[in-house]
Amino acid sequence: MHFPGPEQRRPGSDSQPPRVAIVSSGLGRWPHRHRDWFTALATVCRDLLPPASRLLSVPGTTVQPYLSRCAGLFDHRIDEVDATGTQRHERDRLAVSQSDLVVILSARPGSRTQQLIETLLTNPPVVRPEIWSATDPSLARRFSSLGWKARLLHPVPVPDCHPVPISSKREPGRTRRDDRSLEPHDWLLHCTRECSGPWPGQSRRDYLDDLILGRPPGDHSVLASLLRIIAQRRLRAVSRPVQGGPLAVSFSACPLASLASRRIFRPHRGRWDFEPYGIAISRNWLSARGGRPVIYRPPDSFSGDDPFEQPTHARTQPKLDWTLEAEWRHLGDLDLRSLSATRGRVFVASEEDARTVDPVSPWPVVVLGRFRQDGSSIQ
């Protein structure tokens, strides 16, 4: 980002620290995908605002979950704004109405943030706050042409990162170029997923710091999840099959070809039900450590007391046949330190992924051949 020179007065620097409204379109359910957004947020709070600026925090806005941590990291204050009786789509407007400075981090076309901007341009308040924009350069020019004091911010691209060090030393011949080695029925498959919030066992504060400061663990992609499993040599139990019961790790005993052919996008979850990344484990190895196949029962006879029971289908979605998953479960975390190279495999979607994973994996890496690289459908 460009930094203000000495001739560019920071808002509020002559008297009281400014009241700052930071507004943005939504980030969706995957905040870690918006690394440039967090770069812009951190640069504004760390490098551009004067110390002890008053960050206006309005419940229900996009930036509100991150402002308190920004204040703690960069020596600012939080001013809580009472939003009682204010509809959610009007809450950014509430912050802007009380601000000396408006920072626009994102404004998608047609979004409520874009509508708010158009309202400011066409019906400006009597006292106009200063505008800093990290969006389309034409936006800052539009404000300036209408007499606003406006500045364009230029986010700095963030380099790709991984949660574990990547060694350049490789053992040749360990990566397999197809998935035939996973077809024998001895294998149980655990597909990794993108992580939408803190890592299992991670504090909320550390999670926010990773995002805001751009630290490597802030990458919560599906590949990062896999690398984290490899680095820790552990599968974390995150699902709770029975309410109040122990957490469990799930596997599928169905052949990879079958799993791939049934892979579909779940809009209500914002993700695919299976990803072409994960770990395959010998069935005998898992059985020796307490892993068992689930027992499928019709919903009417499902008691919910046994952590190894599973309904055949959901009562509200009878066509969704869960028996096709051929699920196995292990109660609690699964320690992989004793999993030998003959009893485990790591599978990834592409050769590029394999070049990242192979140097740090104690298990052979399989490049899958049945998933399209763009992730849109199955070949």
Protein backbone atom coordinates (compact mmCIF):
# COMPACT_ATOMS: atom_id res chain seq x y z
CA MET A 1 0.00 0.00 0.00
CA HIS A 2 1.01 3.63 -0.43
CA PHE A 3 1.83 5.33 2.83
CA PRO A 4 0.95 8.94 3.57
CA GLY A 5 3.88 11.29 3.22
CA PRO A 6 4.59 14.00 5.78
CA GLU A 7 2.47 16.45 3.78
CA GLN A 8 -0.51 14.09 3.91
CA ARG A 9 -2.14 14.76 7.26
CA ARG A 10 -3.61 11.77 8.96
CA PRO A 11 -7.24 12.29 9.97
CA GLY A 12 -7.53 13.49 13.54
CA SER A 13 -3.79 14.01 14.03
CA ASP A 14 -4.20 17.73 14.84
CA SER A 15 -6.69 17.21 17.65
CA GLN A 16 -8.49 14.05 18.72
CA PRO A 17 -7.81 10.64 17.16
CA PRO A 18 -10.26 9.99 14.34
CA ARG A 19 -13.38 7.90 14.52
CA VAL A 20 -12.87 5.31 11.82
CA ALA A 21 -15.58 3.33 10.02
CA ILE A 22 -14.10 0.38 8.11
CA VAL A 23 -16.68 -1.02 5.70
CA SER A 24 -16.66 -4.00 3.38
CA SER A 25 -18.74 -6.47 1.45
CA GLY A 26 -19.00 -9.88 3.06
CA LEU A 27 -16.16 -12.42 3.10
CA GLY A 28 -18.39 -15.48 2.94
CA ARG A 29 -17.74 -18.58 5.01
CA TRP A 30 -14.05 -18.84 4.05
CA PRO A 31 -12.27 -15.72 5.41
CA HIS A 32 -8.79 -17.19 4.84
CA ARG A 33 -9.32 -17.00 1.06
CA HIS A 34 -9.22 -13.19 1.27
CA ARG A 35 -5.57 -12.66 2.13
CA ASP A 36 -5.34 -9.32 0.30
CA TRP A 37 -8.33 -8.09 2.31
CA PHE A 38 -6.52 -8.83 5.58
CA THR A 39 -3.33 -7.28 4.19
CA ALA A 40 -5.29 -4.09 3.54
CA LEU A 41 -6.90 -4.18 7.00
CA ALA A 42 -3.55 -4.68 8.75
CA THR A 43 -1.78 -2.02 6.70
CA VAL A 44 -4.47 0.56 7.44
CA CYS A 45 -4.47 -0.16 11.18
CA ARG A 46 -0.71 -0.62 11.58
CA ASP A 47 0.78 1.92 9.17
CA LEU A 48 -1.77 4.55 8.17
CA LEU A 49 -3.98 5.37 11.15
CA PRO A 50 -2.61 7.52 13.98
CA PRO A 51 -2.16 5.77 17.35
CA ALA A 52 -5.25 5.39 19.51
CA SER A 53 -7.65 5.83 16.59
CA ARG A 54 -11.22 5.00 17.51
CA LEU A 55 -12.40 2.02 15.49
CA LEU A 56 -16.20 2.04 15.27
CA SER A 57 -17.45 -1.47 16.00
CA VAL A 58 -21.01 -2.29 14.95
CA PRO A 59 -22.36 -5.81 15.59
CA GLY A 60 -23.27 -7.74 12.47
CA THR A 61 -20.89 -5.97 10.06
CA THR A 62 -18.18 -7.73 8.04
CA VAL A 63 -15.25 -6.15 9.88
CA GLN A 64 -16.63 -6.31 13.43
CA PRO A 65 -15.17 -9.78 14.28
CA TYR A 66 -11.64 -8.49 13.55
CA LEU A 67 -11.64 -4.97 14.98
CA SER A 68 -10.99 -5.78 18.64
CA ARG A 69 -7.92 -7.80 17.72
CA CYS A 70 -6.71 -5.03 15.39
CA ALA A 71 -7.07 -2.57 18.25
CA GLY A 72 -5.00 -4.83 20.52
CA LEU A 73 -2.31 -5.49 17.93
CA PHE A 74 -1.90 -1.93 16.66
CA ASP A 75 -2.65 0.28 19.69
CA HIS A 76 -6.10 1.58 18.82
CA ARG A 77 -9.37 1.95 20.72
CA ILE A 78 -12.73 0.32 20.12
CA ASP A 79 -15.84 2.46 20.20
CA GLU A 80 -18.87 0.19 20.46
CA VAL A 81 -21.81 1.51 18.46
CA ASP A 82 -25.30 0.66 19.70
CA ALA A 83 -27.14 -0.98 16.81
CA THR A 84 -30.35 -1.71 18.70
CA GLY A 85 -33.28 -1.45 16.29
CA THR A 86 -30.99 -1.06 13.25
CA GLN A 87 -31.44 -3.62 10.51
CA ARG A 88 -28.32 -5.54 9.54
CA HIS A 89 -28.06 -4.00 6.07
CA GLU A 90 -28.07 -0.51 7.62
CA ARG A 91 -25.28 -1.08 10.15
CA ASP A 92 -22.35 0.02 7.99
CA ARG A 93 -24.33 3.18 7.31
CA LEU A 94 -24.65 3.67 11.08
CA ALA A 95 -20.86 3.51 11.50
CA VAL A 96 -20.28 5.89 8.57
CA SER A 97 -22.70 8.45 10.06
CA GLN A 98 -20.51 8.71 13.18
CA SER A 99 -17.10 8.68 11.49
CA ASP A 100 -14.35 11.14 10.58
CA LEU A 101 -12.79 8.64 8.20
CA VAL A 102 -14.32 5.86 6.09
CA VAL A 103 -12.07 3.03 4.90
CA ILE A 104 -13.61 0.95 2.09
CA LEU A 105 -11.90 -2.45 1.95
CA SER A 106 -14.23 -4.16 -0.51
CA ALA A 107 -17.37 -3.28 -2.45
CA ARG A 108 -18.73 -5.95 -4.77
CA PRO A 109 -21.02 -4.74 -7.57
CA GLY A 110 -24.61 -4.72 -6.36
CA SER A 111 -23.61 -5.26 -2.72
CA ARG A 112 -24.94 -3.26 0.20
CA THR A 113 -21.54 -1.65 0.56
CA GLN A 114 -21.74 -0.51 -3.06
CA GLN A 115 -25.23 0.86 -2.42
CA LEU A 116 -23.91 2.74 0.60
CA ILE A 117 -21.15 4.27 -1.52
CA GLU A 118 -23.65 5.37 -4.17
CA THR A 119 -25.77 6.99 -1.46
CA LEU A 120 -22.76 8.93 -0.15
CA LEU A 121 -21.95 10.12 -3.67
CA THR A 122 -25.48 11.17 -4.61
CA ASN A 123 -26.66 12.41 -1.22
CA PRO A 124 -23.57 13.43 0.75
CA PRO A 125 -23.82 14.32 4.45
CA VAL A 126 -23.31 17.92 5.56
CA VAL A 127 -19.98 17.01 7.20
CA ARG A 128 -18.13 14.71 4.86
CA PRO A 129 -15.73 12.16 6.32
CA GLU A 130 -12.47 11.49 4.52
CA ILE A 131 -12.55 8.42 2.22
CA TRP A 132 -9.80 5.81 1.87
CA SER A 133 -10.53 3.17 -0.74
CA ALA A 134 -8.78 -0.15 -1.39
CA THR A 135 -11.22 -1.01 -4.19
CA ASP A 136 -11.50 0.05 -7.85
CA PRO A 137 -9.26 3.14 -8.48
CA SER A 138 -12.16 4.85 -10.23
CA LEU A 139 -14.04 4.97 -6.93
CA ALA A 140 -11.51 7.27 -5.26
CA ARG A 141 -11.51 9.45 -8.38
CA ARG A 142 -15.31 9.71 -8.28
CA PHE A 143 -15.23 10.91 -4.68
CA SER A 144 -12.44 13.39 -5.44
CA SER A 145 -14.27 14.79 -8.48
CA LEU A 146 -17.26 15.59 -6.26
CA GLY A 147 -15.21 17.49 -3.69
CA TRP A 148 -14.50 14.72 -1.20
CA LYS A 149 -11.08 14.25 0.33
CA ALA A 150 -10.27 10.76 -0.95
CA ARG A 151 -7.23 8.51 -1.19
CA LEU A 152 -6.59 5.29 -3.08
CA LEU A 153 -4.92 2.44 -1.20
CA HIS A 154 -2.99 -0.21 -3.13
CA PRO A 155 -2.93 -3.63 -1.43
CA VAL A 156 0.43 -5.40 -1.60
CA PRO A 157 0.18 -8.98 -2.94
CA VAL A 158 0.89 -11.61 -0.30
CA PRO A 159 3.19 -14.49 -1.36
CA ASP A 160 1.90 -18.04 -1.18
CA CYS A 161 2.71 -19.81 2.06
CA HIS A 162 2.42 -23.25 3.61
CA PRO A 163 1.98 -24.20 7.28
CA VAL A 164 5.10 -26.41 7.34
CA PRO A 165 8.64 -25.86 5.98
CA ILE A 166 9.10 -27.35 2.54
CA SER A 167 12.41 -29.14 1.99
CA SER A 168 14.06 -29.20 -1.43
CA LYS A 169 15.41 -32.70 -0.85
CA ARG A 170 13.28 -35.45 -2.33
CA GLU A 171 13.44 -39.22 -2.40
CA PRO A 172 12.90 -40.10 -6.10
CA GLY A 173 10.30 -42.64 -7.00
CA ARG A 174 8.03 -42.14 -4.00
CA THR A 175 5.27 -40.30 -5.85
CA ARG A 176 2.85 -42.49 -7.79
CA ARG A 177 1.24 -40.91 -10.84
CA ASP A 178 -2.13 -42.70 -10.70
CA ASP A 179 -4.59 -43.95 -8.12
CA ARG A 180 -4.56 -47.67 -8.88
CA SER A 181 -2.61 -48.32 -5.69
CA LEU A 182 -5.65 -47.16 -3.71
CA GLU A 183 -8.15 -49.49 -5.37
CA PRO A 184 -7.58 -52.66 -3.26
CA HIS A 185 -10.27 -52.96 -0.61
CA ASP A 186 -7.77 -52.88 2.24
CA TRP A 187 -7.68 -49.07 2.13
CA LEU A 188 -9.82 -46.70 4.18
CA LEU A 189 -9.96 -43.12 2.88
CA HIS A 190 -10.00 -39.95 4.95
CA CYS A 191 -10.56 -36.85 2.78
CA THR A 192 -9.33 -33.57 4.19
CA ARG A 193 -11.31 -30.35 3.96
CA GLU A 194 -10.82 -26.63 4.00
CA CYS A 195 -11.06 -25.27 7.54
CA SER A 196 -13.49 -22.35 7.87
CA GLY A 197 -12.52 -21.30 11.40
CA PRO A 198 -9.79 -21.94 13.97
CA TRP A 199 -7.79 -25.13 13.58
CA PRO A 200 -8.82 -27.88 16.02
CA GLY A 201 -7.41 -26.87 19.40
CA GLN A 202 -6.46 -23.37 18.23
CA SER A 203 -7.58 -20.35 20.24
CA ARG A 204 -9.75 -17.70 18.61
CA ARG A 205 -7.09 -15.09 19.33
CA ASP A 206 -4.34 -17.03 17.53
CA TYR A 207 -6.68 -17.66 14.60
CA LEU A 208 -7.39 -13.94 14.22
CA ASP A 209 -3.71 -13.07 14.54
CA ASP A 210 -2.86 -15.54 11.76
CA LEU A 211 -5.40 -13.91 9.45
CA ILE A 212 -4.64 -10.28 10.27
CA LEU A 213 -0.85 -10.63 10.31
CA GLY A 214 -0.72 -12.93 7.28
CA ARG A 215 1.10 -15.70 9.16
CA PRO A 216 1.54 -19.06 7.39
CA PRO A 217 -0.96 -20.95 9.62
CA GLY A 218 -3.61 -18.52 8.33
CA ASP A 219 -3.77 -20.61 5.15
CA HIS A 220 -6.72 -22.92 5.86
CA SER A 221 -7.01 -24.41 2.36
CA VAL A 222 -7.57 -28.12 1.84
CA LEU A 223 -3.88 -28.57 0.93
CA ALA A 224 -2.86 -26.69 4.08
CA SER A 225 -5.11 -29.01 6.11
CA LEU A 226 -3.34 -32.01 4.63
CA LEU A 227 0.11 -30.54 5.29
CA ARG A 228 -0.91 -29.86 8.89
CA ILE A 229 -1.94 -33.49 9.38
CA ILE A 230 1.39 -34.66 7.96
CA ALA A 231 3.38 -32.24 10.14
CA GLN A 232 1.54 -33.25 13.32
CA ARG A 233 1.31 -36.98 12.42
CA ARG A 234 -2.23 -36.86 13.80
CA LEU A 235 -5.81 -36.88 12.57
CA ARG A 236 -7.90 -34.63 14.79
CA ALA A 237 -11.33 -35.81 15.84
CA VAL A 238 -13.72 -33.02 14.91
CA SER A 239 -17.14 -34.61 14.34
CA ARG A 240 -19.43 -35.77 17.14
CA PRO A 241 -21.51 -38.78 15.93
CA VAL A 242 -23.60 -38.86 19.11
CA GLN A 243 -24.74 -35.76 20.96
CA GLY A 244 -22.70 -35.53 24.14
CA GLY A 245 -20.49 -38.43 23.04
CA PRO A 246 -16.81 -38.48 22.05
CA LEU A 247 -15.45 -36.81 18.96
CA ALA A 248 -14.47 -39.12 16.11
CA VAL A 249 -12.41 -39.37 12.92
CA SER A 250 -14.32 -40.71 9.90
CA PHE A 251 -13.13 -42.84 6.97
CA SER A 252 -14.78 -44.33 3.90
CA ALA A 253 -14.29 -47.95 2.84
CA CYS A 254 -15.78 -47.44 -0.62
CA PRO A 255 -13.37 -47.61 -3.59
CA LEU A 256 -11.89 -44.33 -4.73
CA ALA A 257 -13.60 -44.59 -8.11
CA SER A 258 -16.98 -44.82 -6.40
CA LEU A 259 -16.18 -41.92 -4.08
CA ALA A 260 -15.07 -39.75 -6.99
CA SER A 261 -18.15 -40.51 -9.08
CA ARG A 262 -20.46 -39.35 -6.27
CA ARG A 263 -18.60 -36.12 -5.51
CA ILE A 264 -20.99 -33.16 -5.65
CA PHE A 265 -20.99 -29.54 -4.52
CA ARG A 266 -23.10 -28.80 -1.43
CA PRO A 267 -24.31 -25.18 -1.78
CA HIS A 268 -25.66 -25.01 1.78
CA ARG A 269 -22.17 -25.85 3.07
CA GLY A 270 -20.29 -23.87 0.44
CA ARG A 271 -18.00 -26.79 -0.36
CA TRP A 272 -17.63 -30.18 -2.06
CA ASP A 273 -18.61 -33.22 0.00
CA PHE A 274 -15.31 -34.92 -0.90
CA GLU A 275 -11.99 -33.34 -1.84
CA PRO A 276 -9.20 -35.07 -3.80
CA TYR A 277 -6.81 -34.69 -0.86
CA GLY A 278 -6.35 -36.93 2.14
CA ILE A 279 -4.83 -40.00 3.71
CA ALA A 280 -5.49 -43.68 2.99
CA ILE A 281 -4.88 -46.10 5.85
CA SER A 282 -4.74 -49.88 5.99
CA ARG A 283 -7.97 -51.32 7.32
CA ASN A 284 -6.10 -53.82 9.53
CA TRP A 285 -3.92 -51.05 10.98
CA LEU A 286 -6.97 -48.97 11.93
CA SER A 287 -8.85 -52.01 13.30
CA ALA A 288 -5.96 -52.75 15.64
CA ARG A 289 -6.39 -49.24 17.09
CA GLY A 290 -10.11 -49.42 17.71
CA GLY A 291 -11.47 -48.32 14.36
CA ARG A 292 -14.74 -49.99 13.36
CA PRO A 293 -17.30 -49.83 10.56
CA VAL A 294 -20.48 -48.03 11.52
CA ILE A 295 -23.76 -49.90 11.84
CA TYR A 296 -26.44 -48.37 9.64
CA ARG A 297 -29.98 -48.35 11.00
CA PRO A 298 -33.21 -46.84 9.66
CA PRO A 299 -33.98 -43.49 11.31
CA ASP A 300 -36.95 -44.99 13.17
CA SER A 301 -34.70 -47.53 14.93
CA PHE A 302 -31.66 -45.28 15.37
CA SER A 303 -31.15 -44.74 19.11
CA GLY A 304 -28.31 -42.23 18.99
CA ASP A 305 -26.60 -43.86 21.98
CA ASP A 306 -23.90 -45.79 20.13
CA PRO A 307 -21.09 -43.68 18.58
CA PHE A 308 -20.68 -46.39 15.93
CA GLU A 309 -24.30 -46.15 14.75
CA GLN A 310 -25.39 -44.07 11.77
CA PRO A 311 -28.84 -43.52 10.23
CA THR A 312 -29.25 -44.93 6.73
CA HIS A 313 -30.52 -41.52 5.63
CA ALA A 314 -31.76 -38.21 7.01
CA ARG A 315 -35.45 -38.06 7.89
CA THR A 316 -35.82 -34.89 5.83
CA GLN A 317 -33.77 -36.22 2.86
CA PRO A 318 -34.71 -39.87 2.30
CA LYS A 319 -32.95 -39.95 -1.09
CA LEU A 320 -29.59 -39.16 0.53
CA ASP A 321 -28.29 -42.69 1.15
CA TRP A 322 -25.51 -42.56 3.74
CA THR A 323 -24.81 -46.29 3.48
CA LEU A 324 -22.99 -45.64 0.19
CA GLU A 325 -20.21 -43.97 2.16
CA ALA A 326 -19.33 -47.27 3.90
CA GLU A 327 -18.13 -45.25 6.89
CA TRP A 328 -15.61 -46.33 9.51
CA ARG A 329 -14.93 -44.40 12.71
CA HIS A 330 -12.15 -44.00 15.21
CA LEU A 331 -13.13 -42.37 18.51
CA GLY A 332 -10.83 -39.53 19.48
CA ASP A 333 -7.69 -38.29 17.74
CA LEU A 334 -5.76 -40.84 15.69
CA ASP A 335 -1.99 -40.90 16.26
CA LEU A 336 -0.22 -41.61 12.96
CA ARG A 337 3.35 -41.80 14.24
CA SER A 338 3.38 -45.60 14.01
CA LEU A 339 1.77 -45.72 10.56
CA SER A 340 4.42 -47.22 8.29
CA ALA A 341 5.02 -46.35 4.63
CA THR A 342 3.48 -49.69 3.64
CA ARG A 343 0.27 -49.05 5.60
CA GLY A 344 -0.38 -45.45 4.60
CA ARG A 345 -0.74 -43.30 1.49
CA VAL A 346 -1.24 -39.59 0.95
CA PHE A 347 -3.36 -38.61 -2.05
CA VAL A 348 -3.44 -35.24 -3.80
CA ALA A 349 -5.06 -33.76 -6.90
CA SER A 350 -2.11 -32.72 -9.04
CA GLU A 351 1.60 -33.04 -9.76
CA GLU A 352 2.12 -29.56 -8.34
CA ASP A 353 0.52 -30.65 -5.06
CA ALA A 354 2.73 -33.75 -5.02
CA ARG A 355 5.87 -31.62 -5.37
CA THR A 356 4.77 -29.72 -2.27
CA VAL A 357 3.71 -32.73 -0.19
CA ASP A 358 6.25 -35.40 -1.15
CA PRO A 359 9.31 -33.87 0.57
CA VAL A 360 7.54 -33.72 3.95
CA SER A 361 5.44 -36.90 3.83
CA PRO A 362 6.63 -40.14 5.47
CA TRP A 363 4.11 -42.00 3.28
CA PRO A 364 4.06 -42.44 -0.50
CA VAL A 365 2.10 -39.76 -2.36
CA VAL A 366 -0.51 -40.71 -4.96
CA VAL A 367 -1.59 -38.25 -7.67
CA LEU A 368 -5.25 -38.88 -8.37
CA GLY A 369 -6.45 -39.26 -11.94
CA ARG A 370 -10.22 -39.04 -11.54
CA PHE A 371 -10.68 -35.47 -10.37
CA ARG A 372 -10.51 -32.50 -12.73
CA GLN A 373 -7.84 -30.00 -11.75
CA ASP A 374 -10.32 -27.09 -11.71
CA GLY A 375 -12.44 -28.95 -9.17
CA SER A 376 -15.66 -28.25 -11.07
CA SER A 377 -16.59 -31.82 -11.93
CA ILE A 378 -15.41 -35.37 -12.24
CA GLN A 379 -13.77 -36.59 -15.43
